[in-house]
Amino acid sequence: MNPSILVLLSLGHLATDLSAGAIPALLPFFQRSFGLSYGSLGFLNGVFQFTASVTQPLVGLITDRIP
């Protein structure tokens, strides 16, 4: 496999994992800065978790098909 592709995939995975852990920690900051309600904060967190849950298996399927 091309090393540059592997590095890009690794960085994408790192960004996904970091955002999954950082978003819940940043929710109080988002609430104060943007005046968000608890419902909108929960929705925001849910969207991030859902996209991470959907994209990781899709990327895994794509990379499994590449020799």
C-alpha atoms as a PDB file:
ATOM      1  CA  MET A   1       0.000   0.000   0.000  1.00  0.00           C
ATOM      2  CA  ASN A   2       1.137   3.507  -0.752  1.00  0.00           C
ATOM      3  CA  PRO A   3       2.566   5.047   2.459  1.00  0.00           C
ATOM      4  CA  SER A   4       0.944   8.434   1.813  1.00  0.00           C
ATOM      5  CA  ILE A   5      -2.516   6.822   1.615  1.00  0.00           C
ATOM      6  CA  LEU A   6      -1.862   4.987   4.853  1.00  0.00           C
ATOM      7  CA  VAL A   7      -0.818   8.234   6.551  1.00  0.00           C
ATOM      8  CA  LEU A   8      -3.963  10.009   5.305  1.00  0.00           C
ATOM      9  CA  LEU A   9      -6.203   7.194   6.515  1.00  0.00           C
ATOM     10  CA  SER A  10      -4.453   7.188   9.886  1.00  0.00           C
ATOM     11  CA  LEU A  11      -4.870  10.954  10.259  1.00  0.00           C
ATOM     12  CA  GLY A  12      -8.560  10.690   9.361  1.00  0.00           C
ATOM     13  CA  HIS A  13      -9.033   7.991  11.968  1.00  0.00           C
ATOM     14  CA  LEU A  14      -7.162  10.078  14.539  1.00  0.00           C
ATOM     15  CA  ALA A  15      -9.337  13.112  13.809  1.00  0.00           C
ATOM     16  CA  THR A  16     -12.504  11.029  14.202  1.00  0.00           C
ATOM     17  CA  ASP A  17     -11.360   9.556  17.509  1.00  0.00           C
ATOM     18  CA  LEU A  18     -10.222  12.914  18.870  1.00  0.00           C
ATOM     19  CA  SER A  19     -13.477  14.641  17.944  1.00  0.00           C
ATOM     20  CA  ALA A  20     -15.483  11.823  19.536  1.00  0.00           C
ATOM     21  CA  GLY A  21     -13.699  12.454  22.832  1.00  0.00           C
ATOM     22  CA  ALA A  22     -13.394  16.222  22.573  1.00  0.00           C
ATOM     23  CA  ILE A  23     -16.973  17.132  21.694  1.00  0.00           C
ATOM     24  CA  PRO A  24     -18.503  16.029  25.029  1.00  0.00           C
ATOM     25  CA  ALA A  25     -15.785  17.923  26.891  1.00  0.00           C
ATOM     26  CA  LEU A  26     -16.490  21.080  24.872  1.00  0.00           C
ATOM     27  CA  LEU A  27     -20.268  21.070  25.383  1.00  0.00           C
ATOM     28  CA  PRO A  28     -20.201  23.512  28.365  1.00  0.00           C
ATOM     29  CA  PHE A  29     -18.074  25.903  26.296  1.00  0.00           C
ATOM     30  CA  PHE A  30     -20.521  25.641  23.361  1.00  0.00           C
ATOM     31  CA  GLN A  31     -23.423  26.291  25.721  1.00  0.00           C
ATOM     32  CA  ARG A  32     -21.895  29.484  27.122  1.00  0.00           C
ATOM     33  CA  SER A  33     -20.467  30.770  23.832  1.00  0.00           C
ATOM     34  CA  PHE A  34     -23.431  30.113  21.563  1.00  0.00           C
ATOM     35  CA  GLY A  35     -26.300  30.116  24.066  1.00  0.00           C
ATOM     36  CA  LEU A  36     -27.364  26.572  23.167  1.00  0.00           C
ATOM     37  CA  SER A  37     -29.998  24.630  25.072  1.00  0.00           C
ATOM     38  CA  TYR A  38     -29.406  21.189  26.540  1.00  0.00           C
ATOM     39  CA  GLY A  39     -31.517  19.705  23.751  1.00  0.00           C
ATOM     40  CA  SER A  40     -29.423  21.305  21.027  1.00  0.00           C
ATOM     41  CA  LEU A  41     -26.224  20.222  22.793  1.00  0.00           C
ATOM     42  CA  GLY A  42     -27.524  16.657  22.921  1.00  0.00           C
ATOM     43  CA  PHE A  43     -28.444  16.825  19.249  1.00  0.00           C
ATOM     44  CA  LEU A  44     -24.992  18.193  18.376  1.00  0.00           C
ATOM     45  CA  ASN A  45     -23.289  15.406  20.295  1.00  0.00           C
ATOM     46  CA  GLY A  46     -25.597  12.826  18.731  1.00  0.00           C
ATOM     47  CA  VAL A  47     -24.790  14.029  15.214  1.00  0.00           C
ATOM     48  CA  PHE A  48     -21.060  13.744  15.855  1.00  0.00           C
ATOM     49  CA  GLN A  49     -21.431  10.259  17.354  1.00  0.00           C
ATOM     50  CA  PHE A  50     -23.691   9.096  14.528  1.00  0.00           C
ATOM     51  CA  THR A  51     -21.363  10.319  11.790  1.00  0.00           C
ATOM     52  CA  ALA A  52     -18.389   8.666  13.491  1.00  0.00           C
ATOM     53  CA  SER A  53     -20.335   5.421  13.840  1.00  0.00           C
ATOM     54  CA  VAL A  54     -21.352   5.434  10.183  1.00  0.00           C
ATOM     55  CA  THR A  55     -18.128   6.600   8.560  1.00  0.00           C
ATOM     56  CA  GLN A  56     -15.704   4.290  10.348  1.00  0.00           C
ATOM     57  CA  PRO A  57     -17.251   1.032   9.076  1.00  0.00           C
ATOM     58  CA  LEU A  58     -17.591   2.505   5.578  1.00  0.00           C
ATOM     59  CA  VAL A  59     -13.928   3.472   5.518  1.00  0.00           C
ATOM     60  CA  GLY A  60     -13.095  -0.009   6.822  1.00  0.00           C
ATOM     61  CA  LEU A  61     -15.036  -1.626   3.989  1.00  0.00           C
ATOM     62  CA  ILE A  62     -13.301   0.555   1.411  1.00  0.00           C
ATOM     63  CA  THR A  63      -9.839  -0.136   2.776  1.00  0.00           C
ATOM     64  CA  ASP A  64     -10.509  -3.870   2.996  1.00  0.00           C
ATOM     65  CA  ARG A  65     -11.111  -3.923  -0.758  1.00  0.00           C
ATOM     66  CA  ILE A  66      -7.806  -2.192  -1.559  1.00  0.00           C
ATOM     67  CA  PRO A  67      -4.937  -4.677  -1.746  1.00  0.00           C
END
